[in-house]
Amino acid sequence: MQLTEILARNARLYGDEIALIEREPEKKRRVEMTWKQFYHQANAFSRVLRDRFGIEKGDRVIHLMMNCIDWLPVYFGILRAGAVAVPLNFRFEAANIAGCTALSGAKAMVLGPEFIDRIRAVKSELDRHVSHYIYAGPPELCPEFAVPYNEILRGVDVSEPMVSISSCDGAGIYFTSGTTGDPKGVYLLHRQLEFSCYVENRHHNQTHRDNFLCIPPLYHTGAKMHWFGNFIVGARAVILKGVSPRAVLEAVSEEHITIVWLLVPWAHDILVALENGDLQLSDYKLDQWRLMHIGAQPVPPSLIEKWQRFFPAQDYDTNYGLTEATGPGCVHLGLEKTHKVGAIGRAGFDWECRVVDDQENPLEYGHAGELLVKGPGVMERYYGNAEATQNTLKDGWLHTGDIVRQDAEGFFWLVDRKKDVIITGGENIFPVEIENFLMGHEAVLDAGVIGVPDHRLGEVAAAVISVKPGRQVSEEEIRDFCAAMPRYKRPRQIFFDKVPRNPTGKIEKPRLRKKYAKSLMEL
């Protein structure tokens, strides 16, 4: 059943029940939307796109909004019109926005107030493709080049538009995070989005009684595809604006949240607040919180061990995925596999996985190689990039660019990104191993490891360390701690700084290399 049909069914079955809740703690603001309101708003917007702006089946529409209660109705309105949604990263600078718009050839753009200045800066470039700008935000801030979203919906027919959509029609272009290079547009069909609903629900057993707390950005496949598990059974979700530990626990307690997907930094922040006594679990109603799952980046085992001490009754799952595989789910740990904490898991529902060397020969257990995945969620192609598609998709297998090992029980252990491997005097060093080790230090909040130039060894490991609030640690103490590692793996350079992460929690290695590797080259 396609996403648009699932929404229509939810409106029929659960029309007056709450579908979405938006919480904005700083403004003490809470807004609700029923399934019927969700459905009607999406239908109205789809009619506006087609009847007023001339958007036709297959046309692309840029979706540039921060998380809010209107985000999903806008998204479903684009799909219901037969168009292709192009959600953009809210951190994209003006040049990125212009580049992604040009690649997609989008004819219309929906933007929030946070992006007005960035759009103005490149509007002459955008105008080569974009004919219509729709502004979703406070009316008084509407720019002169756009029309207000709420106004254009007034009086519009809310019945479902008669647009024929098949499972093989284009549904979305999702741009990769760009942590290893320029973002690429991942082209997904309706059938791939539908498949992700079944995968998520199969993995986490959502029922109509569940309530999902959505914190990560909705433009990313990770956040939305995790919500899909609730969506397919008509269960509600809470969109939380703000990620402070207090805001998270208040939302879980007051909204009776049952499922939370966290990124590593947010889980760390909650643990630090609990360890420091800034928050007390007894102040919140958390018994109904049945599942915490985490992903989007390597998860330090030490984090989960600490988490389970505070939340011993919770189920836990690690989810591995990538935009090219329609988000999370091609590999997952499983709710009853906590004895394998540290592994990313085994092949997910209806997925196949294998590990290969540089010549694409299968590797035996215990040997590190590239992870390949195959299944109904593999992307159609990179939009407008045939060369990258050819290099990434081979005989139906998606080359992930991630290095893993598989143990004798079939569990995969993430070693690192293929492009991030450090070669020191001929030895391969995987930064994730060092990062996970450093995260075991009681004073370390976060750690990122990169390769930096070395005249003798070619390159060596350098660690950028973020220290927990209120704690102190010296370079000498870190070196003493690292003495437990093999000598060639120990960081030769140590810096104390904030570890930059993108909105989905991945360490932005290019930024670290630019700041530290480049500066060392100039010495």
Protein backbone atom coordinates (compact mmCIF):
# COMPACT_ATOMS: atom_id res chain seq x y z
CA MET A 1 0.00 0.00 0.00
CA GLN A 2 1.49 3.32 -1.09
CA LEU A 3 2.15 6.08 1.45
CA THR A 4 -0.65 8.24 0.10
CA GLU A 5 -3.10 5.32 0.44
CA ILE A 6 -1.93 4.61 3.99
CA LEU A 7 -2.69 8.22 4.92
CA ALA A 8 -6.16 7.96 3.37
CA ARG A 9 -6.83 4.73 5.26
CA ASN A 10 -5.66 6.26 8.57
CA ALA A 11 -8.05 9.17 8.01
CA ARG A 12 -10.93 6.74 7.45
CA LEU A 13 -10.14 4.49 10.41
CA TYR A 14 -8.79 6.99 12.94
CA GLY A 15 -9.98 10.33 11.58
CA ASP A 16 -10.64 12.09 14.91
CA GLU A 17 -7.65 10.58 16.72
CA ILE A 18 -4.43 12.55 17.17
CA ALA A 19 -1.84 11.86 14.45
CA LEU A 20 0.81 14.49 15.16
CA ILE A 21 1.79 16.65 18.11
CA GLU A 22 4.35 19.44 17.98
CA ARG A 23 6.12 20.43 21.19
CA GLU A 24 8.30 23.53 21.47
CA PRO A 25 9.48 23.62 25.10
CA GLU A 26 11.21 27.00 24.97
CA LYS A 27 7.95 28.70 23.92
CA LYS A 28 5.78 26.35 26.03
CA ARG A 29 3.90 25.60 22.81
CA ARG A 30 1.99 22.43 21.99
CA VAL A 31 -0.10 21.85 18.85
CA GLU A 32 -2.12 18.79 17.77
CA MET A 33 -3.32 17.51 14.41
CA THR A 34 -5.79 14.66 13.80
CA TRP A 35 -5.45 12.11 11.03
CA LYS A 36 -8.38 13.74 9.20
CA GLN A 37 -6.76 17.18 9.42
CA PHE A 38 -3.46 15.72 8.24
CA TYR A 39 -5.18 14.06 5.27
CA HIS A 40 -7.24 17.11 4.32
CA GLN A 41 -4.28 19.48 4.49
CA ALA A 42 -2.20 17.20 2.28
CA ASN A 43 -5.05 16.92 -0.24
CA ALA A 44 -5.58 20.68 -0.31
CA PHE A 45 -1.89 21.36 -0.90
CA SER A 46 -1.73 18.77 -3.68
CA ARG A 47 -4.63 20.54 -5.43
CA VAL A 48 -2.91 23.92 -5.07
CA LEU A 49 0.29 22.55 -6.57
CA ARG A 50 -1.55 21.14 -9.56
CA ASP A 51 -4.36 23.64 -10.17
CA ARG A 52 -2.70 26.92 -9.20
CA PHE A 53 0.97 26.31 -9.95
CA GLY A 54 0.71 23.79 -12.77
CA ILE A 55 2.82 21.11 -11.11
CA GLU A 56 2.44 17.89 -13.07
CA LYS A 57 3.20 14.27 -12.36
CA GLY A 58 6.95 13.75 -12.07
CA ASP A 59 7.80 17.41 -11.47
CA ARG A 60 10.18 18.06 -8.58
CA VAL A 61 9.33 20.27 -5.60
CA ILE A 62 11.98 21.50 -3.14
CA HIS A 63 10.93 21.02 0.49
CA LEU A 64 13.03 23.28 2.75
CA MET A 65 11.53 23.51 6.23
CA MET A 66 12.59 22.96 9.81
CA ASN A 67 10.76 20.26 11.76
CA CYS A 68 7.20 21.38 12.54
CA ILE A 69 3.68 20.00 12.48
CA ASP A 70 3.14 21.15 8.86
CA TRP A 71 6.25 19.40 7.55
CA LEU A 72 4.58 16.04 6.89
CA PRO A 73 1.31 17.40 5.39
CA VAL A 74 3.43 19.43 2.94
CA TYR A 75 5.47 16.33 2.09
CA PHE A 76 2.37 14.18 1.54
CA GLY A 77 0.77 16.97 -0.48
CA ILE A 78 3.71 16.86 -2.87
CA LEU A 79 3.42 13.08 -3.20
CA ARG A 80 -0.37 13.16 -3.59
CA ALA A 81 0.06 15.60 -6.49
CA GLY A 82 2.15 12.96 -8.25
CA ALA A 83 5.25 15.13 -7.86
CA VAL A 84 8.67 14.18 -6.51
CA ALA A 85 9.54 15.60 -3.09
CA VAL A 86 13.08 16.99 -2.70
CA PRO A 87 13.68 17.57 1.03
CA LEU A 88 16.85 19.56 1.68
CA ASN A 89 19.20 19.58 4.64
CA PHE A 90 18.42 22.65 6.77
CA ARG A 91 22.17 23.23 7.23
CA PHE A 92 22.76 23.61 3.51
CA GLU A 93 24.28 26.96 2.65
CA ALA A 94 22.91 29.05 -0.20
CA ALA A 95 25.31 27.51 -2.74
CA ASN A 96 24.27 23.97 -1.73
CA ILE A 97 20.60 24.88 -2.08
CA ALA A 98 21.21 26.33 -5.53
CA GLY A 99 23.22 23.26 -6.61
CA CYS A 100 20.62 20.75 -5.40
CA THR A 101 17.82 22.75 -7.01
CA ALA A 102 19.66 22.86 -10.34
CA LEU A 103 20.38 19.11 -10.23
CA SER A 104 16.76 18.26 -9.47
CA GLY A 105 15.33 20.80 -11.91
CA ALA A 106 12.64 21.68 -9.36
CA LYS A 107 9.76 23.86 -10.54
CA ALA A 108 8.53 24.92 -7.10
CA MET A 109 9.93 25.44 -3.62
CA VAL A 110 8.35 25.36 -0.18
CA LEU A 111 10.48 27.24 2.35
CA GLY A 112 10.34 28.17 6.01
CA PRO A 113 11.29 31.56 7.51
CA GLU A 114 14.77 30.35 8.49
CA PHE A 115 15.79 30.14 4.82
CA ILE A 116 14.63 33.47 3.42
CA ASP A 117 18.07 35.11 3.43
CA ARG A 118 19.75 32.06 1.91
CA ILE A 119 17.17 31.94 -0.88
CA ARG A 120 17.52 35.66 -1.57
CA ALA A 121 21.29 35.24 -1.93
CA VAL A 122 20.92 32.79 -4.84
CA LYS A 123 17.45 33.58 -6.14
CA SER A 124 18.69 34.62 -9.58
CA GLU A 125 20.18 31.12 -9.95
CA LEU A 126 17.10 29.42 -8.53
CA ASP A 127 14.81 31.32 -10.91
CA ARG A 128 16.31 29.39 -13.83
CA HIS A 129 14.28 26.42 -12.60
CA VAL A 130 11.90 27.50 -9.85
CA SER A 131 8.75 29.31 -10.97
CA HIS A 132 6.83 29.29 -7.68
CA TYR A 133 7.92 29.95 -4.09
CA ILE A 134 5.57 28.96 -1.27
CA TYR A 135 6.30 30.33 2.18
CA ALA A 136 5.37 28.29 5.27
CA GLY A 137 5.73 30.44 8.38
CA PRO A 138 4.46 33.54 10.22
CA PRO A 139 2.54 35.67 7.66
CA GLU A 140 4.28 38.87 8.69
CA LEU A 141 7.64 37.42 7.60
CA CYS A 142 6.53 36.28 4.15
CA PRO A 143 9.09 37.50 1.57
CA GLU A 144 7.95 39.48 -1.44
CA PHE A 145 8.89 36.67 -3.85
CA ALA A 146 6.67 34.03 -2.23
CA VAL A 147 3.01 33.28 -1.52
CA PRO A 148 1.86 32.29 2.00
CA TYR A 149 1.14 28.59 2.48
CA ASN A 150 -1.82 29.05 4.84
CA GLU A 151 -3.52 31.62 2.60
CA ILE A 152 -3.38 29.55 -0.57
CA LEU A 153 -5.05 26.62 1.22
CA ARG A 154 -8.12 28.59 2.27
CA GLY A 155 -11.30 27.33 0.66
CA VAL A 156 -9.52 24.65 -1.36
CA ASP A 157 -11.30 21.33 -1.93
CA VAL A 158 -9.90 18.82 0.59
CA SER A 159 -11.13 15.69 -1.18
CA GLU A 160 -8.49 13.40 -2.66
CA PRO A 161 -7.29 14.58 -6.08
CA MET A 162 -7.70 12.10 -8.92
CA VAL A 163 -4.02 11.56 -9.71
CA SER A 164 -2.95 8.06 -10.68
CA ILE A 165 0.21 7.04 -8.82
CA SER A 166 1.93 3.69 -9.27
CA SER A 167 4.50 1.99 -7.06
CA CYS A 168 7.09 2.52 -9.80
CA ASP A 169 6.62 6.30 -9.94
CA GLY A 170 9.27 8.61 -8.53
CA ALA A 171 8.61 9.80 -4.99
CA GLY A 172 11.70 11.52 -3.68
CA ILE A 173 15.21 12.82 -4.23
CA TYR A 174 17.11 12.71 -0.95
CA PHE A 175 20.54 14.27 -0.84
CA THR A 176 23.28 12.41 1.01
CA SER A 177 24.85 14.04 4.05
CA GLY A 178 28.07 14.87 2.25
CA THR A 179 30.34 13.66 5.08
CA THR A 180 32.73 12.14 2.53
CA GLY A 181 32.20 14.52 -0.40
CA ASP A 182 29.58 16.55 -2.25
CA PRO A 183 25.94 15.54 -1.63
CA LYS A 184 24.43 13.22 -4.23
CA GLY A 185 20.72 13.00 -5.02
CA VAL A 186 19.29 9.57 -4.17
CA TYR A 187 16.25 8.85 -6.35
CA LEU A 188 13.59 6.75 -4.59
CA LEU A 189 10.33 5.32 -5.91
CA HIS A 190 7.01 4.90 -4.11
CA ARG A 191 7.61 1.17 -3.73
CA GLN A 192 10.86 1.79 -1.85
CA LEU A 193 9.17 4.16 0.61
CA GLU A 194 6.37 1.63 1.09
CA PHE A 195 8.90 -1.13 1.75
CA SER A 196 10.55 0.94 4.48
CA CYS A 197 7.20 1.06 6.34
CA TYR A 198 7.09 -2.72 6.54
CA VAL A 199 10.77 -3.04 7.49
CA GLU A 200 10.49 -0.60 10.39
CA ASN A 201 7.27 -2.11 11.69
CA ARG A 202 8.64 -5.64 11.39
CA HIS A 203 11.77 -4.70 13.34
CA HIS A 204 10.15 -2.74 16.18
CA ASN A 205 6.64 -4.21 16.38
CA GLN A 206 4.72 -0.94 16.49
CA THR A 207 1.01 -1.12 17.19
CA HIS A 208 -1.73 1.49 17.10
CA ARG A 209 -1.09 2.14 20.82
CA ASP A 210 2.53 3.22 20.33
CA ASN A 211 3.70 6.83 20.37
CA PHE A 212 6.93 7.77 18.57
CA LEU A 213 9.09 10.71 19.63
CA CYS A 214 10.60 12.30 16.53
CA ILE A 215 13.63 14.46 17.23
CA PRO A 216 15.97 14.15 14.19
CA PRO A 217 15.35 16.30 11.09
CA LEU A 218 12.48 15.07 8.93
CA TYR A 219 14.32 15.87 5.70
CA HIS A 220 16.50 12.84 6.44
CA THR A 221 15.38 9.31 5.62
CA GLY A 222 16.38 8.11 9.09
CA ALA A 223 13.84 10.17 11.03
CA LYS A 224 10.96 9.77 8.61
CA MET A 225 11.47 6.09 7.90
CA HIS A 226 11.55 5.29 11.62
CA TRP A 227 8.25 7.16 11.96
CA PHE A 228 6.89 5.04 9.09
CA GLY A 229 6.62 2.09 11.51
CA ASN A 230 4.03 4.06 13.50
CA PHE A 231 2.45 5.60 10.42
CA ILE A 232 1.52 2.25 8.86
CA VAL A 233 -0.56 1.31 11.93
CA GLY A 234 -2.08 4.77 12.49
CA ALA A 235 -0.13 5.39 15.70
CA ARG A 236 0.62 8.91 16.85
CA ALA A 237 3.94 10.75 16.85
CA VAL A 238 5.36 13.75 18.69
CA ILE A 239 7.64 16.19 16.87
CA LEU A 240 9.97 17.71 19.45
CA LYS A 241 11.65 21.03 18.70
CA GLY A 242 14.66 21.06 20.99
CA VAL A 243 16.88 18.22 22.14
CA SER A 244 17.84 19.08 25.70
CA PRO A 245 17.76 16.08 28.08
CA ARG A 246 15.02 17.74 30.11
CA ALA A 247 12.89 18.38 27.01
CA VAL A 248 13.24 14.75 25.93
CA LEU A 249 12.28 13.27 29.31
CA GLU A 250 9.41 15.74 29.75
CA ALA A 251 8.03 14.79 26.34
CA VAL A 252 8.33 11.06 27.07
CA SER A 253 6.62 11.53 30.43
CA GLU A 254 3.82 13.94 29.47
CA GLU A 255 2.96 12.44 26.06
CA HIS A 256 3.30 8.81 27.22
CA ILE A 257 5.95 8.12 24.58
CA THR A 258 6.75 4.45 23.99
CA ILE A 259 9.49 4.64 21.33
CA VAL A 260 12.41 7.07 21.02
CA TRP A 261 15.11 7.09 18.38
CA LEU A 262 18.21 8.89 19.61
CA LEU A 263 21.48 9.95 18.07
CA VAL A 264 24.67 9.24 20.00
CA PRO A 265 25.23 12.87 21.15
CA TRP A 266 21.69 13.12 22.57
CA ALA A 267 21.98 9.84 24.42
CA HIS A 268 25.30 11.03 25.85
CA ASP A 269 23.72 14.30 27.00
CA ILE A 270 20.92 12.44 28.81
CA LEU A 271 23.41 10.17 30.55
CA VAL A 272 25.61 13.10 31.61
CA ALA A 273 22.56 14.93 33.03
CA LEU A 274 21.58 11.81 34.99
CA GLU A 275 25.13 11.13 36.20
CA ASN A 276 25.55 14.74 37.35
CA GLY A 277 22.20 14.75 39.14
CA ASP A 278 20.83 17.52 36.91
CA LEU A 279 17.85 15.25 36.20
CA GLN A 280 16.19 12.64 38.40
CA LEU A 281 14.38 9.72 36.76
CA SER A 282 11.88 9.68 39.64
CA ASP A 283 10.54 13.06 38.44
CA TYR A 284 9.18 11.54 35.23
CA LYS A 285 6.72 8.84 34.17
CA LEU A 286 8.86 6.55 32.03
CA ASP A 287 7.44 3.07 32.61
CA GLN A 288 5.70 3.07 29.22
CA TRP A 289 8.97 3.84 27.36
CA ARG A 290 9.56 0.40 25.89
CA LEU A 291 12.21 0.98 23.21
CA MET A 292 15.26 3.16 22.71
CA HIS A 293 16.93 2.62 19.39
CA ILE A 294 19.94 4.37 18.01
CA GLY A 295 21.87 4.59 14.76
CA ALA A 296 23.10 6.88 11.95
CA GLN A 297 26.68 6.44 13.20
CA PRO A 298 28.88 3.99 15.11
CA VAL A 299 27.51 3.44 18.62
CA PRO A 300 30.11 3.06 21.41
CA PRO A 301 29.33 -0.07 23.47
CA SER A 302 30.20 1.88 26.63
CA LEU A 303 27.28 4.21 25.96
CA ILE A 304 24.76 1.37 25.79
CA GLU A 305 26.20 -0.29 28.89
CA LYS A 306 25.66 2.95 30.83
CA TRP A 307 22.20 3.41 29.31
CA GLN A 308 21.07 -0.03 30.40
CA ARG A 309 22.13 0.71 33.97
CA PHE A 310 19.70 3.65 34.06
CA PHE A 311 16.99 1.98 31.94
CA PRO A 312 17.25 -1.78 32.62
CA ALA A 313 13.67 -2.58 31.55
CA GLN A 314 13.92 -0.99 28.11
CA ASP A 315 14.41 -2.82 24.84
CA TYR A 316 17.36 -1.61 22.82
CA ASP A 317 18.16 -1.83 19.12
CA THR A 318 20.90 -0.53 16.86
CA ASN A 319 19.84 0.37 13.33
CA TYR A 320 22.20 0.62 10.40
CA GLY A 321 21.20 2.13 7.11
CA LEU A 322 21.96 4.74 4.50
CA THR A 323 20.01 7.05 2.25
CA GLU A 324 20.77 4.82 -0.73
CA ALA A 325 18.97 1.98 1.08
CA THR A 326 15.88 4.10 1.88
CA GLY A 327 17.09 4.85 5.36
CA PRO A 328 17.53 2.46 8.28
CA GLY A 329 16.84 -1.25 8.35
CA CYS A 330 19.09 -3.09 5.92
CA VAL A 331 21.01 -4.20 9.02
CA HIS A 332 19.69 -4.16 12.59
CA LEU A 333 20.68 -5.70 15.88
CA GLY A 334 17.29 -6.95 17.05
CA LEU A 335 15.45 -6.39 20.31
CA GLU A 336 16.71 -9.58 21.99
CA LYS A 337 20.36 -9.38 21.01
CA THR A 338 21.81 -7.19 23.73
CA HIS A 339 24.60 -9.74 24.26
CA LYS A 340 25.88 -8.42 20.93
CA VAL A 341 25.99 -4.74 21.90
CA GLY A 342 28.58 -3.09 19.68
CA ALA A 343 27.55 -4.98 16.55
CA ILE A 344 25.26 -3.29 14.01
CA GLY A 345 23.40 -6.59 13.66
CA ARG A 346 22.40 -8.96 10.92
CA ALA A 347 20.60 -8.50 7.60
CA GLY A 348 17.24 -6.80 8.15
CA PHE A 349 13.84 -8.00 6.98
CA ASP A 350 13.99 -9.00 3.28
CA TRP A 351 17.62 -7.80 2.96
CA GLU A 352 20.79 -9.66 1.96
CA CYS A 353 24.30 -8.66 3.02
CA ARG A 354 27.83 -9.76 2.22
CA VAL A 355 31.41 -8.65 2.86
CA VAL A 356 33.92 -8.35 0.01
CA ASP A 357 37.53 -7.30 -0.59
CA ASP A 358 38.71 -4.62 -3.03
CA GLN A 359 38.28 -7.07 -5.93
CA GLU A 360 34.73 -7.86 -4.73
CA ASN A 361 35.65 -11.38 -3.65
CA PRO A 362 33.64 -12.70 -0.68
CA LEU A 363 35.53 -12.67 2.62
CA GLU A 364 35.45 -15.25 5.39
CA TYR A 365 34.31 -14.56 8.93
CA GLY A 366 36.53 -12.20 10.86
CA HIS A 367 38.05 -10.42 7.86
CA ALA A 368 37.35 -6.72 7.32
CA GLY A 369 35.88 -5.72 3.99
CA GLU A 370 33.24 -3.55 2.35
CA LEU A 371 29.60 -4.20 3.21
CA LEU A 372 27.29 -4.80 0.25
CA VAL A 373 23.51 -4.91 0.66
CA LYS A 374 20.70 -6.03 -1.63
CA GLY A 375 16.95 -5.71 -1.22
CA PRO A 376 13.74 -3.91 -2.23
CA GLY A 377 14.95 -0.72 -0.51
CA VAL A 378 17.98 -0.16 -2.72
CA MET A 379 17.71 3.19 -4.48
CA GLU A 380 16.75 3.47 -8.12
CA ARG A 381 19.82 5.59 -8.94
CA TYR A 382 21.71 8.76 -8.17
CA TYR A 383 19.69 11.45 -9.89
CA GLY A 384 21.63 13.00 -12.76
CA ASN A 385 24.84 11.13 -11.90
CA ALA A 386 25.24 8.01 -14.03
CA GLU A 387 28.92 7.55 -13.15
CA ALA A 388 28.31 7.50 -9.40
CA THR A 389 25.37 5.13 -9.92
CA GLN A 390 27.53 2.73 -11.92
CA ASN A 391 30.23 2.76 -9.24
CA THR A 392 27.75 2.17 -6.40
CA LEU A 393 25.15 -0.22 -7.87
CA LYS A 394 26.48 -3.45 -9.36
CA ASP A 395 24.24 -6.40 -10.21
CA GLY A 396 21.64 -5.17 -7.74
CA TRP A 397 24.18 -4.91 -4.90
CA LEU A 398 24.64 -1.55 -3.20
CA HIS A 399 28.24 -0.81 -2.26
CA THR A 400 27.91 1.01 1.06
CA GLY A 401 31.47 2.27 1.40
CA ASP A 402 31.46 0.96 5.00
CA ILE A 403 34.06 -1.51 6.27
CA VAL A 404 32.67 -4.31 8.47
CA ARG A 405 33.63 -7.67 9.94
CA GLN A 406 31.20 -10.56 10.28
CA ASP A 407 31.44 -12.96 13.20
CA ALA A 408 30.63 -16.67 13.21
CA GLU A 409 27.02 -16.00 14.27
CA GLY A 410 26.43 -13.75 11.27
CA PHE A 411 26.56 -10.42 13.13
CA PHE A 412 28.24 -7.50 11.40
CA TRP A 413 30.58 -5.20 13.29
CA LEU A 414 31.14 -1.77 11.78
CA VAL A 415 34.82 -1.00 11.44
CA ASP A 416 34.79 2.31 9.59
CA ARG A 417 34.07 4.23 6.44
CA LYS A 418 36.23 3.01 3.57
CA LYS A 419 37.35 6.56 2.84
CA ASP A 420 38.27 7.21 6.48
CA VAL A 421 40.77 4.37 6.87
CA ILE A 422 44.18 5.64 8.05
CA ILE A 423 47.25 3.89 6.65
CA THR A 424 50.18 4.20 9.05
CA GLY A 425 53.43 2.66 7.84
CA GLY A 426 51.45 0.12 5.83
CA GLU A 427 49.08 -0.77 8.69
CA ASN A 428 45.35 -0.03 8.37
CA ILE A 429 43.87 1.93 11.27
CA PHE A 430 40.10 2.25 11.58
CA PRO A 431 39.16 5.52 13.35
CA VAL A 432 35.91 4.11 14.76
CA GLU A 433 37.86 1.61 16.86
CA ILE A 434 39.86 4.43 18.43
CA GLU A 435 36.78 6.63 18.86
CA ASN A 436 34.93 3.86 20.68
CA PHE A 437 37.94 3.26 22.91
CA LEU A 438 38.24 6.96 23.80
CA MET A 439 34.53 7.13 24.61
CA GLY A 440 35.21 4.66 27.40
CA HIS A 441 37.11 7.35 29.35
CA GLU A 442 34.90 8.76 32.07
CA ALA A 443 35.71 12.39 31.16
CA VAL A 444 35.25 12.10 27.39
CA LEU A 445 31.95 13.30 25.96
CA ASP A 446 32.75 12.80 22.27
CA ALA A 447 35.70 11.89 20.07
CA GLY A 448 36.58 12.09 16.41
CA VAL A 449 39.68 10.54 14.84
CA ILE A 450 41.26 11.46 11.50
CA GLY A 451 44.49 10.81 9.67
CA VAL A 452 47.06 13.62 9.59
CA PRO A 453 50.26 13.82 7.51
CA ASP A 454 53.45 12.30 8.85
CA HIS A 455 56.79 12.52 6.99
CA ARG A 456 57.92 9.08 8.11
CA LEU A 457 54.74 6.99 8.28
CA GLY A 458 52.64 8.75 5.64
CA GLU A 459 49.86 9.54 8.09
CA VAL A 460 49.08 8.96 11.74
CA ALA A 461 45.94 9.09 13.87
CA ALA A 462 44.89 12.36 15.47
CA ALA A 463 42.09 12.53 18.03
CA VAL A 464 39.79 15.49 18.58
CA ILE A 465 38.22 15.16 22.02
CA SER A 466 35.24 16.92 23.56
CA VAL A 467 35.27 16.85 27.37
CA LYS A 468 32.16 16.41 29.51
CA PRO A 469 30.86 19.59 31.18
CA GLY A 470 32.44 20.16 34.57
CA ARG A 471 35.24 17.65 33.91
CA GLN A 472 38.91 18.15 33.12
CA VAL A 473 41.40 15.86 31.46
CA SER A 474 44.93 16.46 30.23
CA GLU A 475 46.68 15.28 27.08
CA GLU A 476 48.98 13.18 29.26
CA GLU A 477 45.99 11.45 30.89
CA ILE A 478 44.55 10.61 27.46
CA ARG A 479 47.89 9.19 26.36
CA ASP A 480 48.10 7.06 29.50
CA PHE A 481 44.56 5.81 28.86
CA CYS A 482 45.45 4.91 25.27
CA ALA A 483 48.43 2.84 26.41
CA ALA A 484 46.05 -0.12 26.53
CA MET A 485 45.79 -0.01 22.72
CA PRO A 486 48.39 -1.41 20.31
CA ARG A 487 51.10 1.21 19.79
CA TYR A 488 50.38 1.81 16.09
CA LYS A 489 46.72 2.63 16.87
CA ARG A 490 47.40 5.22 19.55
CA PRO A 491 46.64 8.81 18.54
CA ARG A 492 49.89 10.69 17.86
CA GLN A 493 48.14 14.07 17.99
CA ILE A 494 45.48 15.04 20.56
CA PHE A 495 43.30 18.14 20.34
CA PHE A 496 40.59 19.31 22.71
CA ASP A 497 37.72 20.81 20.77
CA LYS A 498 34.07 20.32 19.92
CA VAL A 499 33.51 17.35 17.62
CA PRO A 500 31.40 18.61 14.70
CA ARG A 501 28.45 16.42 13.79
CA ASN A 502 25.80 16.88 11.13
CA PRO A 503 22.04 16.89 11.97
CA THR A 504 21.92 13.09 11.75
CA GLY A 505 24.79 12.66 14.20
CA LYS A 506 27.59 11.69 11.83
CA ILE A 507 31.03 13.17 12.55
CA GLU A 508 31.91 15.69 9.88
CA LYS A 509 35.35 14.34 9.07
CA PRO A 510 35.99 16.79 6.18
CA ARG A 511 35.67 19.69 8.65
CA LEU A 512 38.11 18.03 11.05
CA ARG A 513 40.59 17.36 8.25
CA LYS A 514 40.33 20.91 7.00
CA LYS A 515 40.97 22.33 10.46
CA TYR A 516 43.64 19.95 11.75
CA ALA A 517 45.21 17.93 8.95
CA LYS A 518 45.67 20.99 6.76
CA SER A 519 47.17 23.07 9.57
CA LEU A 520 49.69 20.32 10.39
CA MET A 521 50.72 20.12 6.74
CA GLU A 522 51.60 23.81 6.85
CA LEU A 523 53.93 23.42 9.86
